[in-house]
N, C-alpha and C. Protein backbone atom coordinates (compact mmCIF):
# COMPACT_ATOMS: atom_id res chain seq x y z
N MET A 1 0.83 -19.63 81.74
CA MET A 1 2.13 -20.24 81.54
C MET A 1 2.57 -20.24 80.38
N ILE A 2 1.85 -21.43 79.47
CA ILE A 2 2.20 -21.48 77.89
C ILE A 2 2.10 -20.73 77.40
N LEU A 3 1.17 -20.01 77.41
CA LEU A 3 1.31 -18.55 76.33
C LEU A 3 3.18 -17.84 76.51
N ASN A 4 3.50 -17.51 77.69
CA ASN A 4 4.23 -16.60 78.33
C ASN A 4 6.25 -17.73 77.30
N ARG A 5 5.68 -19.11 77.14
CA ARG A 5 6.38 -19.91 76.02
C ARG A 5 6.22 -19.93 74.85
N TRP A 6 5.28 -19.38 74.31
CA TRP A 6 5.20 -19.36 73.14
C TRP A 6 5.72 -17.59 72.40
N TYR A 7 5.83 -17.02 73.37
CA TYR A 7 6.03 -15.65 73.13
C TYR A 7 7.88 -15.41 73.05
N LYS A 8 8.43 -16.75 74.39
CA LYS A 8 9.85 -17.31 73.92
C LYS A 8 10.56 -17.28 72.44
N ILE A 9 9.21 -18.42 72.25
CA ILE A 9 9.78 -19.57 71.44
C ILE A 9 9.75 -18.66 70.03
N THR A 10 8.34 -17.65 69.74
CA THR A 10 8.27 -16.63 68.27
C THR A 10 9.41 -16.11 68.33
N ALA A 11 9.91 -15.61 69.44
CA ALA A 11 10.96 -14.11 69.73
C ALA A 11 12.46 -15.48 69.47
N ILE A 12 12.51 -16.09 69.82
CA ILE A 12 13.95 -17.23 69.31
C ILE A 12 13.60 -17.19 67.51
N PHE A 13 12.49 -17.85 67.49
CA PHE A 13 12.93 -17.97 65.44
C PHE A 13 12.86 -16.65 65.13
N LEU A 14 12.55 -15.46 65.89
CA LEU A 14 12.28 -13.97 64.45
C LEU A 14 13.70 -13.49 64.68
N VAL A 15 14.30 -14.32 65.76
CA VAL A 15 15.94 -12.91 65.69
C VAL A 15 16.70 -14.51 64.82
N VAL A 16 16.67 -15.74 64.90
CA VAL A 16 16.51 -16.09 64.20
C VAL A 16 16.96 -16.34 62.44
N PHE A 17 15.50 -16.15 62.39
CA PHE A 17 14.46 -15.62 61.24
C PHE A 17 15.53 -14.08 60.63
N ALA A 18 15.55 -13.95 61.09
CA ALA A 18 16.20 -12.27 60.83
C ALA A 18 17.48 -12.34 60.44
N PHE A 19 17.95 -13.21 61.36
CA PHE A 19 19.44 -13.41 61.03
C PHE A 19 19.71 -14.12 60.33
N CYS A 20 19.14 -14.96 59.20
CA CYS A 20 19.27 -15.66 57.95
C CYS A 20 19.28 -14.78 57.17
N LEU A 21 17.76 -14.95 57.06
CA LEU A 21 18.11 -13.26 56.30
C LEU A 21 18.85 -11.79 55.78
N LEU A 22 19.55 -12.22 56.73
CA LEU A 22 20.68 -10.86 56.43
C LEU A 22 22.32 -11.30 56.19
N GLN A 23 21.75 -13.02 56.36
CA GLN A 23 23.23 -14.03 56.00
C GLN A 23 22.91 -14.41 54.46
N ILE A 24 21.14 -14.70 53.77
CA ILE A 24 20.83 -14.72 52.71
C ILE A 24 21.24 -13.50 51.64
N GLY A 25 21.16 -12.30 52.08
CA GLY A 25 21.07 -10.61 51.55
C GLY A 25 22.42 -11.03 51.25
N THR A 26 23.59 -11.35 52.34
CA THR A 26 24.42 -10.59 52.25
C THR A 26 25.33 -11.84 50.92
N GLY A 27 24.89 -12.96 50.91
CA GLY A 27 25.61 -13.27 50.19
C GLY A 27 24.77 -13.59 48.82
N PHE A 28 23.31 -12.46 48.47
CA PHE A 28 23.50 -12.44 46.91
C PHE A 28 24.01 -11.14 46.79
N ALA A 29 24.22 -10.14 47.57
CA ALA A 29 25.38 -9.12 46.99
C ALA A 29 26.50 -9.80 46.81
N LYS A 30 27.05 -10.70 46.55
CA LYS A 30 28.58 -11.24 46.34
C LYS A 30 28.02 -12.04 44.55
N ILE A 31 26.87 -12.67 44.75
CA ILE A 31 26.63 -13.26 43.52
C ILE A 31 26.65 -12.34 42.14
N GLY A 32 27.08 -12.63 41.34
CA GLY A 32 27.55 -11.99 40.09
C GLY A 32 27.97 -10.69 40.09
N GLY A 33 28.55 -10.39 41.05
CA GLY A 33 29.15 -9.18 41.60
C GLY A 33 30.88 -9.13 42.07
N GLY A 34 31.53 -8.45 42.02
CA GLY A 34 32.65 -8.11 42.36
C GLY A 34 33.65 -8.41 41.54
N ASP A 35 35.33 -8.13 42.34
CA ASP A 35 35.96 -8.27 40.98
C ASP A 35 36.56 -9.39 41.42
N ILE A 36 37.71 -10.01 40.53
CA ILE A 36 38.21 -11.04 41.24
C ILE A 36 39.69 -11.21 40.63
N LEU A 37 40.88 -10.82 41.70
CA LEU A 37 42.46 -10.19 40.90
C LEU A 37 43.11 -11.60 41.31
N PHE A 38 43.48 -11.87 39.60
CA PHE A 38 44.63 -12.65 39.50
C PHE A 38 45.96 -11.84 39.40
N SER A 39 47.12 -12.38 40.11
CA SER A 39 48.16 -11.86 41.18
C SER A 39 49.67 -12.88 40.20
N ASP A 40 49.41 -13.90 39.74
CA ASP A 40 50.49 -15.08 39.33
C ASP A 40 50.52 -14.54 37.64
N THR A 41 51.02 -13.83 37.46
CA THR A 41 50.61 -13.43 35.57
C THR A 41 52.30 -13.21 35.21
N LYS A 42 53.25 -14.15 36.04
CA LYS A 42 54.64 -13.82 35.70
C LYS A 42 55.28 -13.27 34.81
N GLY A 43 55.58 -11.85 35.64
CA GLY A 43 55.71 -10.44 35.47
C GLY A 43 55.45 -9.27 35.02
N MET A 44 53.23 -9.77 34.03
CA MET A 44 53.00 -8.75 33.83
C MET A 44 52.38 -8.38 34.70
N LYS A 45 51.54 -7.34 34.65
CA LYS A 45 50.28 -6.38 35.21
C LYS A 45 49.58 -7.75 35.80
N ASN A 46 48.64 -7.11 37.54
CA ASN A 46 47.92 -7.68 37.58
C ASN A 46 46.79 -7.62 36.33
N VAL A 47 45.59 -9.29 36.45
CA VAL A 47 44.34 -9.53 36.18
C VAL A 47 43.67 -8.69 36.75
N THR A 48 42.36 -7.94 35.79
CA THR A 48 41.57 -8.19 37.51
C THR A 48 40.16 -8.53 36.82
N PHE A 49 39.47 -9.48 36.97
CA PHE A 49 38.32 -10.28 36.28
C PHE A 49 36.95 -9.31 37.03
N SER A 50 36.37 -8.12 36.20
CA SER A 50 35.11 -7.14 36.49
C SER A 50 34.19 -8.37 36.22
N HIS A 51 33.47 -8.54 36.86
CA HIS A 51 31.57 -9.32 37.07
C HIS A 51 31.07 -8.45 36.46
N LYS A 52 31.00 -7.02 36.64
CA LYS A 52 29.79 -6.28 36.23
C LYS A 52 29.65 -5.88 34.96
N ILE A 53 31.63 -5.85 34.81
CA ILE A 53 31.39 -5.57 32.63
C ILE A 53 30.77 -7.04 31.82
N HIS A 54 30.55 -7.91 32.29
CA HIS A 54 31.04 -9.17 32.27
C HIS A 54 29.34 -10.04 32.31
N VAL A 55 29.03 -9.67 33.40
CA VAL A 55 27.56 -9.33 34.03
C VAL A 55 26.53 -8.61 33.58
N THR A 56 26.45 -7.44 34.17
CA THR A 56 26.10 -6.14 33.44
C THR A 56 26.20 -5.78 32.64
N ASP A 57 27.46 -4.81 31.98
CA ASP A 57 27.54 -4.48 30.83
C ASP A 57 27.64 -5.14 29.43
N GLN A 58 27.98 -6.70 29.68
CA GLN A 58 27.66 -7.18 28.20
C GLN A 58 26.08 -8.65 28.51
N GLU A 59 25.51 -8.15 29.63
CA GLU A 59 23.79 -8.63 29.83
C GLU A 59 24.42 -10.25 30.32
N LYS A 60 25.64 -10.51 30.52
CA LYS A 60 25.79 -12.47 30.62
C LYS A 60 25.33 -12.76 31.84
N LYS A 61 24.31 -14.06 31.50
CA LYS A 61 24.08 -14.61 32.65
C LYS A 61 25.06 -15.92 33.62
N CYS A 62 24.71 -15.50 35.08
CA CYS A 62 26.06 -16.38 35.88
C CYS A 62 25.80 -17.97 35.13
N PRO A 63 24.74 -19.55 34.36
CA PRO A 63 25.24 -19.92 33.66
C PRO A 63 26.07 -19.88 32.32
N ASP A 64 26.43 -18.70 31.78
CA ASP A 64 26.75 -18.50 30.68
C ASP A 64 28.66 -19.10 30.97
N CYS A 65 29.02 -18.59 32.52
CA CYS A 65 30.28 -18.85 32.67
C CYS A 65 30.41 -20.52 33.38
N HIS A 66 29.34 -19.88 34.37
CA HIS A 66 29.15 -21.33 35.86
C HIS A 66 28.66 -22.35 35.16
N VAL A 67 28.53 -23.66 35.08
CA VAL A 67 29.89 -24.26 35.78
C VAL A 67 30.36 -25.10 35.06
N LYS A 68 30.10 -24.62 33.27
CA LYS A 68 30.38 -24.97 32.12
C LYS A 68 32.12 -24.58 32.21
N ILE A 69 32.28 -23.64 32.04
CA ILE A 69 33.81 -22.60 32.24
C ILE A 69 34.89 -23.07 33.32
N PHE A 70 34.14 -22.06 34.33
CA PHE A 70 34.37 -21.46 35.52
C PHE A 70 33.77 -22.37 36.73
N LYS A 71 34.63 -23.08 37.50
CA LYS A 71 33.94 -23.72 38.85
C LYS A 71 33.73 -22.23 39.53
N MET A 72 32.89 -23.17 40.24
CA MET A 72 32.18 -21.69 41.55
C MET A 72 33.27 -22.19 42.99
N LYS A 73 34.37 -22.66 42.37
CA LYS A 73 35.18 -22.54 44.23
C LYS A 73 36.21 -21.05 43.62
N LYS A 74 35.87 -20.31 44.70
CA LYS A 74 37.73 -20.08 44.76
C LYS A 74 38.53 -20.83 44.52
N GLY A 75 39.63 -20.40 43.41
CA GLY A 75 40.92 -20.69 43.86
C GLY A 75 40.55 -22.18 42.37
N SER A 76 40.20 -22.02 42.23
CA SER A 76 39.73 -23.46 41.36
C SER A 76 40.49 -23.35 39.73
N THR A 77 40.40 -22.48 38.85
CA THR A 77 41.26 -22.18 37.82
C THR A 77 43.23 -21.81 38.24
N ASP A 78 43.00 -21.66 39.33
CA ASP A 78 44.31 -21.31 39.66
C ASP A 78 44.96 -22.89 39.96
N LYS A 79 44.77 -23.92 40.23
CA LYS A 79 44.59 -25.07 40.95
C LYS A 79 45.63 -25.73 39.66
N ASP A 80 47.28 -26.32 39.93
CA ASP A 80 47.91 -26.74 38.85
C ASP A 80 48.77 -25.92 37.59
N ASN A 81 48.46 -24.52 38.56
CA ASN A 81 48.16 -23.14 37.45
C ASN A 81 47.90 -23.90 36.26
N ALA A 82 46.81 -23.72 36.07
CA ALA A 82 45.92 -23.73 35.34
C ALA A 82 45.21 -23.36 33.98
N LEU A 83 45.11 -21.53 34.84
CA LEU A 83 44.84 -20.61 34.28
C LEU A 83 46.19 -19.95 33.55
N THR A 84 46.40 -19.91 32.41
CA THR A 84 47.47 -19.14 31.26
C THR A 84 47.23 -18.62 30.09
N MET A 85 48.23 -17.80 29.62
CA MET A 85 48.08 -17.60 28.46
C MET A 85 47.40 -18.52 27.42
N LYS A 86 48.45 -19.52 27.43
CA LYS A 86 48.19 -21.43 26.75
C LYS A 86 47.06 -21.35 26.91
N SER A 87 46.61 -21.86 28.25
CA SER A 87 45.06 -22.56 27.86
C SER A 87 44.04 -21.02 27.96
N ILE A 88 44.36 -20.14 27.38
CA ILE A 88 43.15 -18.76 27.37
C ILE A 88 43.53 -19.26 25.59
N ASN A 89 44.49 -19.26 24.96
CA ASN A 89 44.85 -19.41 23.89
C ASN A 89 44.25 -21.04 22.64
N GLU A 90 44.44 -21.64 23.93
CA GLU A 90 43.56 -22.54 23.48
C GLU A 90 42.40 -22.93 23.31
N GLY A 91 41.96 -21.96 23.69
CA GLY A 91 40.12 -21.76 23.92
C GLY A 91 39.66 -22.43 25.23
N LYS A 92 40.02 -22.30 26.02
CA LYS A 92 39.56 -22.97 27.36
C LYS A 92 40.08 -21.56 28.72
N PHE A 93 38.73 -21.72 29.39
CA PHE A 93 38.77 -20.71 30.35
C PHE A 93 38.37 -18.78 29.81
N CYS A 94 38.72 -18.33 30.09
CA CYS A 94 38.60 -16.86 29.33
C CYS A 94 38.35 -17.07 27.31
N GLY A 95 39.86 -17.89 27.06
CA GLY A 95 39.50 -18.42 26.08
C GLY A 95 38.10 -18.53 25.25
N THR A 96 37.65 -19.38 26.12
CA THR A 96 36.26 -19.51 25.17
C THR A 96 35.57 -18.62 24.41
N CYS A 97 35.86 -17.19 24.53
CA CYS A 97 34.66 -16.34 24.09
C CYS A 97 36.38 -15.59 23.45
N HIS A 98 36.81 -15.34 24.35
CA HIS A 98 37.84 -14.33 24.25
C HIS A 98 39.26 -15.29 23.30
N GLY A 99 39.12 -15.36 21.78
CA GLY A 99 40.11 -15.77 21.26
C GLY A 99 39.69 -15.70 19.50
N GLU A 100 40.57 -16.31 18.94
CA GLU A 100 40.10 -16.28 17.29
C GLU A 100 38.83 -16.83 16.94
N LYS A 101 38.12 -15.64 16.34
CA LYS A 101 36.77 -15.37 15.52
C LYS A 101 35.96 -15.84 17.00
N LYS A 102 36.06 -15.92 17.96
CA LYS A 102 35.50 -15.64 19.62
C LYS A 102 33.99 -14.58 19.32
N ILE A 103 33.43 -14.36 20.71
CA ILE A 103 32.01 -13.62 20.58
C ILE A 103 32.74 -12.16 21.82
N ALA A 104 33.69 -12.33 21.51
CA ALA A 104 34.51 -11.58 22.43
C ALA A 104 36.22 -11.13 21.53
N PHE A 105 36.89 -9.82 22.10
CA PHE A 105 38.17 -9.53 21.38
C PHE A 105 39.19 -10.84 21.26
N SER A 106 40.27 -11.18 20.59
CA SER A 106 41.50 -11.87 21.03
C SER A 106 42.02 -11.29 21.84
N PRO A 107 42.80 -12.26 22.96
CA PRO A 107 43.59 -11.82 23.78
C PRO A 107 45.20 -11.52 22.59
N LYS A 108 45.01 -12.18 21.49
CA LYS A 108 46.34 -11.82 21.33
C LYS A 108 47.16 -9.95 20.08
N GLY A 109 47.70 -9.76 20.76
CA GLY A 109 48.04 -8.14 20.76
C GLY A 109 46.82 -7.32 21.90
N SER A 110 46.37 -7.69 22.45
CA SER A 110 45.48 -7.34 23.06
C SER A 110 45.62 -7.08 24.95
N CYS A 111 46.67 -7.26 24.77
CA CYS A 111 47.60 -7.75 26.68
C CYS A 111 46.64 -6.91 27.08
N ASN A 112 47.19 -5.30 27.30
CA ASN A 112 46.59 -4.16 27.90
C ASN A 112 45.53 -3.95 28.63
N LYS A 113 44.06 -4.59 27.87
CA LYS A 113 42.93 -4.98 27.78
C LYS A 113 42.75 -5.58 30.00
N CYS A 114 43.60 -6.25 29.46
CA CYS A 114 42.81 -7.35 30.64
C CYS A 114 44.26 -7.50 31.64
N HIS A 115 45.33 -7.28 31.36
CA HIS A 115 46.65 -6.61 32.02
C HIS A 115 46.86 -5.28 32.49
N ASN A 116 45.70 -4.80 33.44
CA ASN A 116 46.07 -3.53 33.15
C ASN A 116 45.96 -2.90 35.09
N THR A 117 46.15 -4.04 35.94
CA THR A 117 46.24 -3.33 37.13
C THR A 117 47.49 -3.72 37.42
N ALA A 118 48.40 -2.78 37.91
CA ALA A 118 48.87 -2.47 39.41
C ALA A 118 49.85 -3.32 40.04
N LYS A 119 51.17 -4.03 39.72
CA LYS A 119 51.36 -5.23 41.18
C LYS A 119 51.12 -4.70 42.18
């Protein structure tokens, strides 16, 4: 009888453990990947931010941008319309790397490099 109880407990544990592994696997698949669409672009084409280009192709690490430049909360850069070309040109958000004498191309005169996604 006690042995039968342990079989049930073990079976429940294994099911819960397997479920947790699947959830963790799903979460890790999203970390460092995927595109983020910015559609509030004031009449310009939308902007699609590619983690692949920035993380994989440019060999950046998550802490290079998170949480110093970008919070890890969806929509945080949209709060109070914080992410604008003005803020980028002031060296905030994308402008931390993209701008005058920065490590990546300047957004000035390069609109189509970012604003390249149809509305």
